[in-house]
């Protein structure tokens, strides 16, 4: 889906009442859950999901900080 299509949908959502927006969110969540439940999950699907999480973190410093907290 193009960013312009997403923007158009977003603009339409803005025209909905708060109640209607909440109903829409509920519909979207239910659809996602339904798809996930019907799909056979594969551990390979998780590959690269955390990519970049640690890219800006000083790993050694993080570990030392965690260990320091354990000793308290």
N, C-alpha and C. Protein backbone atom coordinates (compact mmCIF):
# COMPACT_ATOMS: atom_id res chain seq x y z
N UNK A 1 0.85 -1.17 0.00
CA UNK A 1 0.00 0.00 0.00
C UNK A 1 0.90 1.23 0.00
N UNK A 2 0.57 2.18 -0.80
CA UNK A 2 1.39 3.38 -0.91
C UNK A 2 1.15 4.30 0.28
N UNK A 3 2.13 5.17 0.51
CA UNK A 3 1.98 6.12 1.62
C UNK A 3 0.82 7.08 1.39
N UNK A 4 0.52 7.38 0.12
CA UNK A 4 -0.61 8.27 -0.14
C UNK A 4 -1.94 7.59 0.19
N UNK A 5 -2.01 6.27 -0.06
CA UNK A 5 -3.23 5.53 0.30
C UNK A 5 -3.39 5.48 1.82
N UNK A 6 -2.29 5.28 2.51
CA UNK A 6 -2.34 5.24 3.97
C UNK A 6 -2.74 6.61 4.51
N UNK A 7 -2.21 7.67 3.92
CA UNK A 7 -2.56 9.02 4.35
C UNK A 7 -4.05 9.30 4.12
N UNK A 8 -4.58 8.81 3.00
CA UNK A 8 -6.00 9.00 2.70
C UNK A 8 -6.85 8.29 3.75
N UNK A 9 -6.47 7.07 4.10
CA UNK A 9 -7.20 6.32 5.14
C UNK A 9 -7.10 7.05 6.47
N UNK A 10 -5.90 7.53 6.79
CA UNK A 10 -5.70 8.26 8.04
C UNK A 10 -6.59 9.50 8.10
N UNK A 11 -6.69 10.20 6.99
CA UNK A 11 -7.55 11.38 6.93
C UNK A 11 -9.01 11.01 7.16
N UNK A 12 -9.43 9.90 6.58
CA UNK A 12 -10.81 9.43 6.76
C UNK A 12 -11.07 9.07 8.23
N UNK A 13 -10.08 8.44 8.87
CA UNK A 13 -10.22 8.06 10.27
C UNK A 13 -10.43 9.29 11.14
N UNK A 14 -9.74 10.37 10.80
CA UNK A 14 -9.89 11.62 11.55
C UNK A 14 -11.33 12.13 11.54
N UNK A 15 -12.07 11.79 10.51
CA UNK A 15 -13.47 12.23 10.41
C UNK A 15 -14.42 11.39 11.26
N UNK A 16 -13.94 10.28 11.79
CA UNK A 16 -14.77 9.42 12.62
C UNK A 16 -14.81 9.94 14.05
N UNK A 17 -15.89 9.61 14.75
CA UNK A 17 -15.97 9.96 16.17
C UNK A 17 -14.98 9.09 16.94
N UNK A 18 -14.72 9.46 18.17
CA UNK A 18 -13.83 8.67 19.01
C UNK A 18 -14.35 7.24 19.15
N UNK A 19 -15.64 7.10 19.34
CA UNK A 19 -16.25 5.78 19.48
C UNK A 19 -16.05 4.96 18.20
N UNK A 20 -16.26 5.58 17.06
CA UNK A 20 -16.08 4.89 15.78
C UNK A 20 -14.61 4.50 15.56
N UNK A 21 -13.71 5.37 15.98
CA UNK A 21 -12.29 5.06 15.86
C UNK A 21 -11.92 3.85 16.72
N UNK A 22 -12.47 3.80 17.93
CA UNK A 22 -12.22 2.66 18.81
C UNK A 22 -12.79 1.37 18.22
N UNK A 23 -13.97 1.46 17.63
CA UNK A 23 -14.54 0.29 16.98
C UNK A 23 -13.66 -0.19 15.83
N UNK A 24 -13.13 0.75 15.07
CA UNK A 24 -12.25 0.42 13.96
C UNK A 24 -10.97 -0.26 14.45
N UNK A 25 -10.40 0.27 15.52
CA UNK A 25 -9.20 -0.34 16.10
C UNK A 25 -9.50 -1.77 16.52
N UNK A 26 -10.66 -1.96 17.13
CA UNK A 26 -11.05 -3.30 17.57
C UNK A 26 -11.17 -4.25 16.38
N UNK A 27 -11.77 -3.80 15.31
CA UNK A 27 -11.92 -4.62 14.10
C UNK A 27 -10.55 -5.01 13.56
N UNK A 28 -9.64 -4.04 13.49
CA UNK A 28 -8.31 -4.30 12.96
C UNK A 28 -7.58 -5.32 13.83
N UNK A 29 -7.63 -5.13 15.15
CA UNK A 29 -6.96 -6.05 16.07
C UNK A 29 -7.53 -7.45 15.93
N UNK A 30 -8.85 -7.57 15.87
CA UNK A 30 -9.48 -8.88 15.73
C UNK A 30 -9.04 -9.57 14.44
N UNK A 31 -8.93 -8.82 13.36
CA UNK A 31 -8.48 -9.40 12.09
C UNK A 31 -7.05 -9.91 12.19
N UNK A 32 -6.19 -9.12 12.82
CA UNK A 32 -4.79 -9.53 12.97
C UNK A 32 -4.69 -10.78 13.82
N UNK A 33 -5.41 -10.80 14.94
CA UNK A 33 -5.40 -11.97 15.82
C UNK A 33 -5.92 -13.19 15.09
N UNK A 34 -6.98 -13.02 14.34
CA UNK A 34 -7.57 -14.13 13.59
C UNK A 34 -6.57 -14.70 12.60
N UNK A 35 -5.85 -13.83 11.89
CA UNK A 35 -4.85 -14.30 10.93
C UNK A 35 -3.72 -15.03 11.62
N UNK A 36 -3.27 -14.50 12.75
CA UNK A 36 -2.17 -15.12 13.49
C UNK A 36 -2.58 -16.49 14.02
N UNK A 37 -3.81 -16.61 14.49
CA UNK A 37 -4.27 -17.88 15.03
C UNK A 37 -4.42 -18.93 13.94
N UNK A 38 -4.77 -18.50 12.74
CA UNK A 38 -4.97 -19.47 11.66
C UNK A 38 -3.66 -19.82 10.95
N UNK A 39 -2.63 -19.03 11.18
CA UNK A 39 -1.35 -19.27 10.54
C UNK A 39 -0.50 -20.16 11.42
N UNK A 40 0.16 -21.15 10.80
CA UNK A 40 1.11 -21.95 11.55
C UNK A 40 2.34 -21.10 11.81
N UNK A 41 2.64 -20.89 13.08
CA UNK A 41 3.77 -20.05 13.43
C UNK A 41 5.07 -20.81 13.27
N UNK A 42 6.05 -20.12 12.75
CA UNK A 42 7.38 -20.69 12.52
C UNK A 42 8.38 -19.79 13.21
N UNK A 43 9.30 -20.37 13.96
CA UNK A 43 10.30 -19.59 14.67
C UNK A 43 11.10 -18.73 13.70
N UNK A 44 11.22 -19.17 12.47
CA UNK A 44 11.93 -18.40 11.45
C UNK A 44 11.27 -17.06 11.16
N UNK A 45 9.97 -16.96 11.46
CA UNK A 45 9.26 -15.69 11.25
C UNK A 45 9.80 -14.58 12.14
N UNK A 46 10.49 -14.96 13.21
CA UNK A 46 11.02 -13.97 14.14
C UNK A 46 12.37 -13.41 13.71
N UNK A 47 12.97 -14.00 12.69
CA UNK A 47 14.28 -13.55 12.22
C UNK A 47 14.26 -12.06 11.91
N UNK A 48 15.23 -11.37 12.43
CA UNK A 48 15.45 -9.93 12.23
C UNK A 48 14.38 -9.03 12.86
N UNK A 49 13.50 -9.57 13.69
CA UNK A 49 12.48 -8.71 14.29
C UNK A 49 13.08 -7.73 15.30
N UNK A 50 14.21 -8.07 15.88
CA UNK A 50 14.87 -7.18 16.83
C UNK A 50 16.07 -6.47 16.23
N UNK A 51 16.20 -6.56 14.94
CA UNK A 51 17.35 -5.97 14.26
C UNK A 51 17.42 -4.48 14.58
N UNK A 52 18.56 -4.06 14.99
CA UNK A 52 18.77 -2.65 15.30
C UNK A 52 18.50 -2.30 16.75
N UNK A 53 17.92 -3.23 17.51
CA UNK A 53 17.60 -2.95 18.91
C UNK A 53 18.85 -2.58 19.70
N UNK A 54 19.93 -3.30 19.45
CA UNK A 54 21.15 -3.10 20.20
C UNK A 54 22.18 -2.27 19.44
N UNK A 55 21.85 -1.78 18.25
CA UNK A 55 22.84 -1.12 17.42
C UNK A 55 23.41 0.15 18.07
N UNK A 56 22.63 0.84 18.87
CA UNK A 56 23.11 2.08 19.49
C UNK A 56 23.47 1.87 20.96
N UNK A 57 23.41 0.65 21.41
CA UNK A 57 23.65 0.34 22.82
C UNK A 57 25.08 -0.16 23.00
N UNK A 58 25.74 0.33 24.04
CA UNK A 58 27.04 -0.20 24.42
C UNK A 58 26.77 -1.48 25.20
N UNK A 59 26.95 -2.60 24.55
CA UNK A 59 26.57 -3.89 25.14
C UNK A 59 27.31 -4.14 26.44
N UNK A 60 28.62 -3.93 26.44
CA UNK A 60 29.41 -4.17 27.64
C UNK A 60 28.91 -3.30 28.79
N UNK A 61 28.65 -2.02 28.51
CA UNK A 61 28.13 -1.11 29.53
C UNK A 61 26.76 -1.54 30.03
N UNK A 62 25.92 -2.00 29.12
CA UNK A 62 24.58 -2.46 29.48
C UNK A 62 24.66 -3.65 30.44
N UNK A 63 25.51 -4.62 30.08
CA UNK A 63 25.67 -5.82 30.92
C UNK A 63 26.21 -5.45 32.28
N UNK A 64 27.22 -4.59 32.31
CA UNK A 64 27.78 -4.18 33.60
C UNK A 64 26.74 -3.46 34.44
N UNK A 65 25.94 -2.61 33.84
CA UNK A 65 24.89 -1.91 34.56
C UNK A 65 23.88 -2.89 35.14
N UNK A 66 23.48 -3.89 34.35
CA UNK A 66 22.54 -4.90 34.83
C UNK A 66 23.13 -5.68 36.01
N UNK A 67 24.38 -6.06 35.88
CA UNK A 67 25.04 -6.80 36.98
C UNK A 67 25.13 -5.95 38.24
N UNK A 68 25.42 -4.66 38.09
CA UNK A 68 25.47 -3.77 39.25
C UNK A 68 24.13 -3.72 39.97
N UNK A 69 23.05 -3.73 39.21
CA UNK A 69 21.71 -3.69 39.81
C UNK A 69 21.40 -4.97 40.58
N UNK A 70 21.92 -6.11 40.11
CA UNK A 70 21.68 -7.38 40.79
C UNK A 70 22.33 -7.39 42.17
N UNK A 71 23.49 -6.74 42.28
CA UNK A 71 24.26 -6.79 43.51
C UNK A 71 23.68 -5.89 44.58
N UNK A 72 22.74 -5.05 44.27
CA UNK A 72 22.15 -4.14 45.27
C UNK A 72 21.19 -4.84 46.16
